[in-house]
Amino acid sequence: MQNRECDFDKEPGKIHIKSSLIMNGVCVRWRGWIDLERLDGVGCLEYCEDRAAAEDALLREQIERYNQRLREFEDKQRGYRSQDRIDQDLELRMANSLHGSAHHGHHGGPVSSRCHGPPRHGLPLQVGLPLTPP
């Protein structure tokens, strides 16, 4: 049989078959014959080294693609995390600069929005005074 999966010409009344498959994760080839009149026959399973090597190569390529995508995802996540840290540092510096370097809170350091809330600007509100001009 020259690389044919089914051969009706090898023996009259019989068909010779080769079929590759994966059984329990192992590449095998079923090879045998079936009597066309009685519909019985003989066959065996053989380890298929060529197919196993091809399947192994495909699996390794797939794993490498998966690992590459995982590395790209982790790199992207690291970039997002570092950008978040930069943004937080910038917000803290901006809050400190709005209060001015001369104003210090009860901790001895510059007042930040984390301790005392956002900066307040404008005139203080006086309660209890009449709304009409004097």
N, C-alpha and C. Protein backbone atom coordinates (compact mmCIF):
# COMPACT_ATOMS: atom_id res chain seq x y z
N MET A 1 0.85 -1.17 0.00
CA MET A 1 0.00 0.00 0.00
C MET A 1 0.90 1.24 0.00
N GLN A 2 0.79 2.09 -1.01
CA GLN A 2 1.65 3.27 -1.13
C GLN A 2 0.91 4.50 -0.61
N ASN A 3 1.01 4.73 0.70
CA ASN A 3 0.40 5.89 1.34
C ASN A 3 -1.09 6.01 1.07
N ARG A 4 -1.75 4.89 0.77
CA ARG A 4 -3.20 4.92 0.57
C ARG A 4 -3.87 4.51 1.87
N GLU A 5 -4.93 5.18 2.21
CA GLU A 5 -5.65 4.86 3.45
C GLU A 5 -6.52 3.62 3.28
N CYS A 6 -7.07 3.42 2.10
CA CYS A 6 -7.91 2.24 1.80
C CYS A 6 -7.39 1.59 0.51
N ASP A 7 -7.21 0.29 0.56
CA ASP A 7 -6.70 -0.42 -0.62
C ASP A 7 -7.59 -1.63 -0.89
N PHE A 8 -8.41 -1.54 -1.95
CA PHE A 8 -9.29 -2.64 -2.35
C PHE A 8 -8.56 -3.63 -3.27
N ASP A 9 -7.38 -3.24 -3.77
CA ASP A 9 -6.70 -4.03 -4.79
C ASP A 9 -5.67 -5.02 -4.23
N LYS A 10 -5.29 -4.90 -2.98
CA LYS A 10 -4.24 -5.75 -2.43
C LYS A 10 -4.67 -7.22 -2.39
N GLU A 11 -5.88 -7.49 -1.91
CA GLU A 11 -6.43 -8.85 -1.88
C GLU A 11 -7.88 -8.79 -2.31
N PRO A 12 -8.32 -9.70 -3.18
CA PRO A 12 -9.73 -9.71 -3.57
C PRO A 12 -10.63 -10.08 -2.38
N GLY A 13 -11.73 -9.36 -2.23
CA GLY A 13 -12.69 -9.62 -1.16
C GLY A 13 -12.32 -8.97 0.17
N LYS A 14 -11.21 -8.28 0.23
CA LYS A 14 -10.78 -7.63 1.48
C LYS A 14 -10.42 -6.17 1.18
N ILE A 15 -10.58 -5.37 2.21
CA ILE A 15 -10.12 -3.99 2.12
C ILE A 15 -9.04 -3.81 3.19
N HIS A 16 -7.93 -3.28 2.79
CA HIS A 16 -6.83 -2.98 3.72
C HIS A 16 -6.91 -1.50 4.06
N ILE A 17 -6.87 -1.23 5.37
CA ILE A 17 -7.10 0.14 5.86
C ILE A 17 -5.94 0.57 6.76
N LYS A 18 -5.59 1.84 6.62
CA LYS A 18 -4.69 2.53 7.56
C LYS A 18 -5.41 3.80 7.99
N SER A 19 -5.42 4.06 9.29
CA SER A 19 -6.08 5.27 9.79
C SER A 19 -5.32 5.79 11.00
N SER A 20 -4.91 7.04 10.93
CA SER A 20 -4.19 7.67 12.05
C SER A 20 -5.19 8.36 12.97
N LEU A 21 -4.94 8.27 14.27
CA LEU A 21 -5.81 8.91 15.25
C LEU A 21 -5.03 9.15 16.53
N ILE A 22 -5.63 9.92 17.41
CA ILE A 22 -5.04 10.16 18.73
C ILE A 22 -5.91 9.44 19.73
N MET A 23 -5.33 8.50 20.45
CA MET A 23 -6.06 7.72 21.44
C MET A 23 -5.43 7.96 22.81
N ASN A 24 -6.21 8.50 23.73
CA ASN A 24 -5.72 8.81 25.08
C ASN A 24 -4.46 9.68 25.02
N GLY A 25 -4.43 10.63 24.11
CA GLY A 25 -3.32 11.56 24.00
C GLY A 25 -2.10 11.01 23.29
N VAL A 26 -2.20 9.82 22.70
CA VAL A 26 -1.06 9.20 22.01
C VAL A 26 -1.40 9.06 20.54
N CYS A 27 -0.49 9.46 19.67
CA CYS A 27 -0.69 9.32 18.22
C CYS A 27 -0.47 7.86 17.83
N VAL A 28 -1.50 7.25 17.26
CA VAL A 28 -1.42 5.85 16.83
C VAL A 28 -1.96 5.73 15.41
N ARG A 29 -1.67 4.59 14.80
CA ARG A 29 -2.20 4.28 13.48
C ARG A 29 -2.87 2.91 13.60
N TRP A 30 -4.14 2.84 13.19
CA TRP A 30 -4.82 1.55 13.09
C TRP A 30 -4.51 1.00 11.71
N ARG A 31 -4.01 -0.22 11.69
CA ARG A 31 -3.66 -0.86 10.43
C ARG A 31 -4.26 -2.26 10.45
N GLY A 32 -5.00 -2.58 9.38
CA GLY A 32 -5.60 -3.91 9.31
C GLY A 32 -6.40 -4.11 8.04
N TRP A 33 -7.20 -5.19 8.04
CA TRP A 33 -8.03 -5.50 6.89
C TRP A 33 -9.39 -5.98 7.36
N ILE A 34 -10.37 -5.83 6.49
CA ILE A 34 -11.74 -6.28 6.76
C ILE A 34 -12.19 -7.12 5.57
N ASP A 35 -12.77 -8.28 5.86
CA ASP A 35 -13.35 -9.16 4.83
C ASP A 35 -14.69 -8.56 4.43
N LEU A 36 -14.85 -8.25 3.15
CA LEU A 36 -16.06 -7.55 2.69
C LEU A 36 -17.29 -8.45 2.71
N GLU A 37 -17.12 -9.76 2.69
CA GLU A 37 -18.27 -10.67 2.70
C GLU A 37 -18.71 -10.95 4.13
N ARG A 38 -17.78 -11.29 5.00
CA ARG A 38 -18.12 -11.65 6.39
C ARG A 38 -18.17 -10.42 7.31
N LEU A 39 -17.59 -9.30 6.88
CA LEU A 39 -17.50 -8.07 7.67
C LEU A 39 -16.78 -8.28 8.99
N ASP A 40 -15.73 -9.09 8.97
CA ASP A 40 -14.84 -9.20 10.11
C ASP A 40 -13.42 -9.04 9.59
N GLY A 41 -12.48 -8.93 10.49
CA GLY A 41 -11.12 -8.73 10.04
C GLY A 41 -10.14 -8.70 11.19
N VAL A 42 -8.96 -8.26 10.89
CA VAL A 42 -7.88 -8.21 11.87
C VAL A 42 -7.21 -6.84 11.73
N GLY A 43 -6.82 -6.29 12.87
CA GLY A 43 -6.13 -5.02 12.86
C GLY A 43 -5.27 -4.85 14.08
N CYS A 44 -4.46 -3.85 14.08
CA CYS A 44 -3.62 -3.55 15.23
C CYS A 44 -3.39 -2.05 15.31
N LEU A 45 -3.01 -1.60 16.50
CA LEU A 45 -2.63 -0.21 16.72
C LEU A 45 -1.12 -0.12 16.79
N GLU A 46 -0.55 0.84 16.08
CA GLU A 46 0.90 1.05 16.08
C GLU A 46 1.16 2.49 16.53
N TYR A 47 2.22 2.66 17.29
CA TYR A 47 2.64 4.01 17.65
C TYR A 47 3.09 4.72 16.39
N CYS A 48 2.60 5.93 16.16
CA CYS A 48 2.91 6.67 14.94
C CYS A 48 3.90 7.79 15.28
N GLU A 49 5.17 7.49 15.10
CA GLU A 49 6.21 8.43 15.49
C GLU A 49 6.18 9.73 14.67
N ASP A 50 5.90 9.62 13.37
CA ASP A 50 5.84 10.82 12.52
C ASP A 50 4.73 11.76 12.96
N ARG A 51 3.55 11.20 13.17
CA ARG A 51 2.42 12.03 13.62
C ARG A 51 2.67 12.59 15.01
N ALA A 52 3.28 11.78 15.87
CA ALA A 52 3.57 12.25 17.23
C ALA A 52 4.51 13.45 17.19
N ALA A 53 5.53 13.40 16.33
CA ALA A 53 6.47 14.52 16.21
C ALA A 53 5.75 15.76 15.68
N ALA A 54 4.86 15.58 14.70
CA ALA A 54 4.12 16.72 14.15
C ALA A 54 3.19 17.31 15.20
N GLU A 55 2.47 16.46 15.95
CA GLU A 55 1.57 16.95 17.00
C GLU A 55 2.36 17.65 18.10
N ASP A 56 3.53 17.10 18.45
CA ASP A 56 4.37 17.71 19.47
C ASP A 56 4.83 19.10 19.03
N ALA A 57 5.22 19.22 17.76
CA ALA A 57 5.65 20.53 17.24
C ALA A 57 4.50 21.53 17.29
N LEU A 58 3.30 21.09 16.90
CA LEU A 58 2.13 21.98 16.96
C LEU A 58 1.84 22.42 18.39
N LEU A 59 1.92 21.47 19.32
CA LEU A 59 1.67 21.79 20.72
C LEU A 59 2.70 22.79 21.24
N ARG A 60 3.97 22.58 20.91
CA ARG A 60 5.02 23.51 21.36
C ARG A 60 4.81 24.91 20.78
N GLU A 61 4.41 25.00 19.52
CA GLU A 61 4.13 26.31 18.91
C GLU A 61 2.96 26.99 19.61
N GLN A 62 1.92 26.21 19.91
CA GLN A 62 0.75 26.77 20.58
C GLN A 62 1.12 27.26 21.98
N ILE A 63 1.92 26.49 22.70
CA ILE A 63 2.35 26.91 24.04
C ILE A 63 3.21 28.17 23.95
N GLU A 64 4.08 28.24 22.97
CA GLU A 64 4.92 29.43 22.80
C GLU A 64 4.07 30.67 22.49
N ARG A 65 3.05 30.52 21.63
CA ARG A 65 2.14 31.65 21.34
C ARG A 65 1.40 32.07 22.61
N TYR A 66 0.94 31.09 23.39
CA TYR A 66 0.25 31.39 24.64
C TYR A 66 1.18 32.15 25.59
N ASN A 67 2.41 31.65 25.75
CA ASN A 67 3.36 32.31 26.64
C ASN A 67 3.70 33.72 26.17
N GLN A 68 3.81 33.92 24.86
CA GLN A 68 4.08 35.25 24.31
C GLN A 68 2.93 36.21 24.62
N ARG A 69 1.70 35.74 24.42
CA ARG A 69 0.54 36.59 24.74
C ARG A 69 0.48 36.91 26.22
N LEU A 70 0.84 35.93 27.07
CA LEU A 70 0.85 36.15 28.50
C LEU A 70 1.91 37.19 28.87
N ARG A 71 3.11 37.10 28.27
CA ARG A 71 4.15 38.10 28.53
C ARG A 71 3.69 39.50 28.10
N GLU A 72 3.05 39.60 26.92
CA GLU A 72 2.56 40.89 26.45
C GLU A 72 1.52 41.46 27.40
N PHE A 73 0.62 40.61 27.89
CA PHE A 73 -0.41 41.05 28.83
C PHE A 73 0.23 41.55 30.12
N GLU A 74 1.20 40.78 30.65
CA GLU A 74 1.86 41.19 31.90
C GLU A 74 2.63 42.49 31.72
N ASP A 75 3.28 42.67 30.57
CA ASP A 75 3.99 43.93 30.30
C ASP A 75 3.01 45.10 30.27
N LYS A 76 1.86 44.88 29.63
CA LYS A 76 0.85 45.93 29.55
C LYS A 76 0.33 46.27 30.95
N GLN A 77 0.10 45.24 31.78
CA GLN A 77 -0.38 45.47 33.15
C GLN A 77 0.66 46.25 33.95
N ARG A 78 1.95 45.89 33.80
CA ARG A 78 3.00 46.63 34.50
C ARG A 78 3.00 48.09 34.07
N GLY A 79 2.78 48.35 32.79
CA GLY A 79 2.71 49.73 32.30
C GLY A 79 1.56 50.50 32.91
N TYR A 80 0.40 49.85 33.02
CA TYR A 80 -0.76 50.51 33.63
C TYR A 80 -0.49 50.81 35.10
N ARG A 81 0.09 49.83 35.82
CA ARG A 81 0.35 50.03 37.25
C ARG A 81 1.35 51.17 37.46
N SER A 82 2.41 51.22 36.66
CA SER A 82 3.40 52.28 36.84
C SER A 82 2.79 53.63 36.47
N GLN A 83 1.92 53.69 35.46
CA GLN A 83 1.26 54.94 35.09
C GLN A 83 0.33 55.40 36.22
N ASP A 84 -0.37 54.46 36.88
CA ASP A 84 -1.22 54.82 38.01
C ASP A 84 -0.38 55.43 39.13
N ARG A 85 0.79 54.84 39.42
CA ARG A 85 1.66 55.38 40.46
C ARG A 85 2.13 56.78 40.09
N ILE A 86 2.49 56.99 38.84
CA ILE A 86 2.94 58.31 38.38
C ILE A 86 1.80 59.32 38.54
N ASP A 87 0.57 58.92 38.16
CA ASP A 87 -0.58 59.81 38.29
C ASP A 87 -0.84 60.16 39.75
N GLN A 88 -0.74 59.18 40.66
CA GLN A 88 -0.96 59.44 42.08
C GLN A 88 0.10 60.39 42.62
N ASP A 89 1.36 60.17 42.26
CA ASP A 89 2.43 61.06 42.70
C ASP A 89 2.20 62.48 42.19
N LEU A 90 1.79 62.61 40.94
CA LEU A 90 1.54 63.92 40.36
C LEU A 90 0.40 64.62 41.09
N GLU A 91 -0.68 63.90 41.40
CA GLU A 91 -1.80 64.49 42.13
C GLU A 91 -1.35 64.97 43.50
N LEU A 92 -0.54 64.19 44.18
CA LEU A 92 -0.06 64.58 45.50
C LEU A 92 0.82 65.82 45.41
N ARG A 93 1.72 65.87 44.43
CA ARG A 93 2.57 67.04 44.26
C ARG A 93 1.74 68.28 43.94
N MET A 94 0.72 68.12 43.09
CA MET A 94 -0.12 69.27 42.74
C MET A 94 -0.89 69.76 43.95
N ALA A 95 -1.41 68.84 44.75
CA ALA A 95 -2.15 69.24 45.95
C ALA A 95 -1.23 69.98 46.91
N ASN A 96 -0.01 69.50 47.06
CA ASN A 96 0.94 70.18 47.95
C ASN A 96 1.31 71.56 47.42
N SER A 97 1.46 71.70 46.12
CA SER A 97 1.84 73.00 45.57
C SER A 97 0.69 74.00 45.67
N LEU A 98 -0.56 73.55 45.65
CA LEU A 98 -1.69 74.46 45.78
C LEU A 98 -1.75 75.07 47.17
N HIS A 99 -1.36 74.31 48.18
CA HIS A 99 -1.37 74.82 49.56
C HIS A 99 -0.19 75.72 49.83
N GLY A 100 0.83 75.64 49.04
CA GLY A 100 2.02 76.47 49.26
C GLY A 100 2.97 75.79 50.22
N SER A 101 4.22 76.08 50.07
CA SER A 101 5.21 75.42 50.91
C SER A 101 5.29 76.04 52.30
N ALA A 102 4.70 77.23 52.52
CA ALA A 102 4.78 77.87 53.83
C ALA A 102 3.77 77.29 54.81
N HIS A 103 2.69 76.72 54.34
CA HIS A 103 1.64 76.20 55.22
C HIS A 103 1.98 74.77 55.61
N HIS A 104 2.06 74.53 56.90
CA HIS A 104 2.35 73.19 57.39
C HIS A 104 1.22 72.75 58.29
N GLY A 105 0.87 71.51 58.22
CA GLY A 105 -0.21 70.98 59.03
C GLY A 105 0.28 70.52 60.38
N HIS A 106 -0.57 69.82 61.12
CA HIS A 106 -0.24 69.37 62.46
C HIS A 106 0.80 68.25 62.46
N HIS A 107 1.15 67.71 61.33
CA HIS A 107 2.18 66.66 61.25
C HIS A 107 3.56 67.25 61.04
N GLY A 108 3.65 68.54 60.83
CA GLY A 108 4.93 69.17 60.61
C GLY A 108 5.32 69.26 59.15
N GLY A 109 4.62 68.59 58.29
CA GLY A 109 4.93 68.62 56.87
C GLY A 109 3.92 69.45 56.13
N PRO A 110 4.05 69.56 54.83
CA PRO A 110 3.08 70.33 54.04
C PRO A 110 1.70 69.69 54.11
N VAL A 111 0.69 70.52 54.07
CA VAL A 111 -0.69 70.03 54.11
C VAL A 111 -1.01 69.39 52.77
N SER A 112 -1.62 68.25 52.82
CA SER A 112 -2.02 67.59 51.58
C SER A 112 -3.51 67.34 51.60
N SER A 113 -4.06 67.09 50.44
CA SER A 113 -5.49 66.84 50.35
C SER A 113 -5.86 65.54 51.03
N ARG A 114 -4.88 64.68 51.27
CA ARG A 114 -5.18 63.42 51.96
C ARG A 114 -5.54 63.66 53.42
N CYS A 115 -4.93 64.73 54.04
CA CYS A 115 -5.20 65.01 55.45
C CYS A 115 -6.37 65.96 55.63
N HIS A 116 -6.41 67.01 54.84
CA HIS A 116 -7.33 68.11 55.10
C HIS A 116 -8.34 68.36 54.00
N GLY A 117 -8.47 67.48 53.06
CA GLY A 117 -9.43 67.66 51.98
C GLY A 117 -8.91 68.60 50.91
N PRO A 118 -9.75 68.90 49.94
CA PRO A 118 -9.30 69.76 48.83
C PRO A 118 -9.09 71.19 49.30
N PRO A 119 -8.23 71.95 48.62
CA PRO A 119 -7.99 73.34 49.01
C PRO A 119 -9.27 74.18 48.82
N ARG A 120 -9.44 75.15 49.70
CA ARG A 120 -10.62 76.01 49.64
C ARG A 120 -10.16 77.43 49.31
N HIS A 121 -10.87 78.08 48.40
CA HIS A 121 -10.54 79.44 47.99
C HIS A 121 -11.79 80.30 48.12
N GLY A 122 -11.61 81.59 48.26
CA GLY A 122 -12.75 82.50 48.31
C GLY A 122 -12.89 83.16 49.67
N LEU A 123 -14.01 83.85 49.87
CA LEU A 123 -14.26 84.56 51.12
C LEU A 123 -14.97 83.65 52.11
N PRO A 124 -14.69 83.84 53.40
CA PRO A 124 -15.39 83.03 54.40
C PRO A 124 -16.85 83.46 54.50
N LEU A 125 -17.72 82.55 54.79
CA LEU A 125 -19.15 82.80 54.92
C LEU A 125 -19.43 83.22 56.36
N GLN A 126 -20.15 84.35 56.52
CA GLN A 126 -20.52 84.81 57.85
C GLN A 126 -21.99 84.50 58.05
N VAL A 127 -22.28 83.81 59.12
CA VAL A 127 -23.65 83.37 59.39
C VAL A 127 -24.28 84.34 60.39
N GLY A 128 -25.56 84.62 60.19
CA GLY A 128 -26.31 85.42 61.13
C GLY A 128 -26.33 86.91 60.82
N LEU A 129 -25.69 87.38 59.79
CA LEU A 129 -25.70 88.79 59.43
C LEU A 129 -26.84 89.06 58.45
N PRO A 130 -27.38 90.25 58.44
CA PRO A 130 -28.46 90.56 57.49
C PRO A 130 -27.93 90.56 56.05
N LEU A 131 -28.80 90.22 55.12
CA LEU A 131 -28.44 90.13 53.72
C LEU A 131 -28.48 91.49 53.02
N THR A 132 -29.02 92.51 53.66
CA THR A 132 -29.10 93.83 53.04
C THR A 132 -27.79 94.57 53.26
N PRO A 133 -27.41 95.42 52.31
CA PRO A 133 -26.15 96.16 52.49
C PRO A 133 -26.25 97.15 53.64
N PRO A 134 -25.18 97.46 54.33
CA PRO A 134 -25.20 98.38 55.49
C PRO A 134 -25.41 99.83 55.13
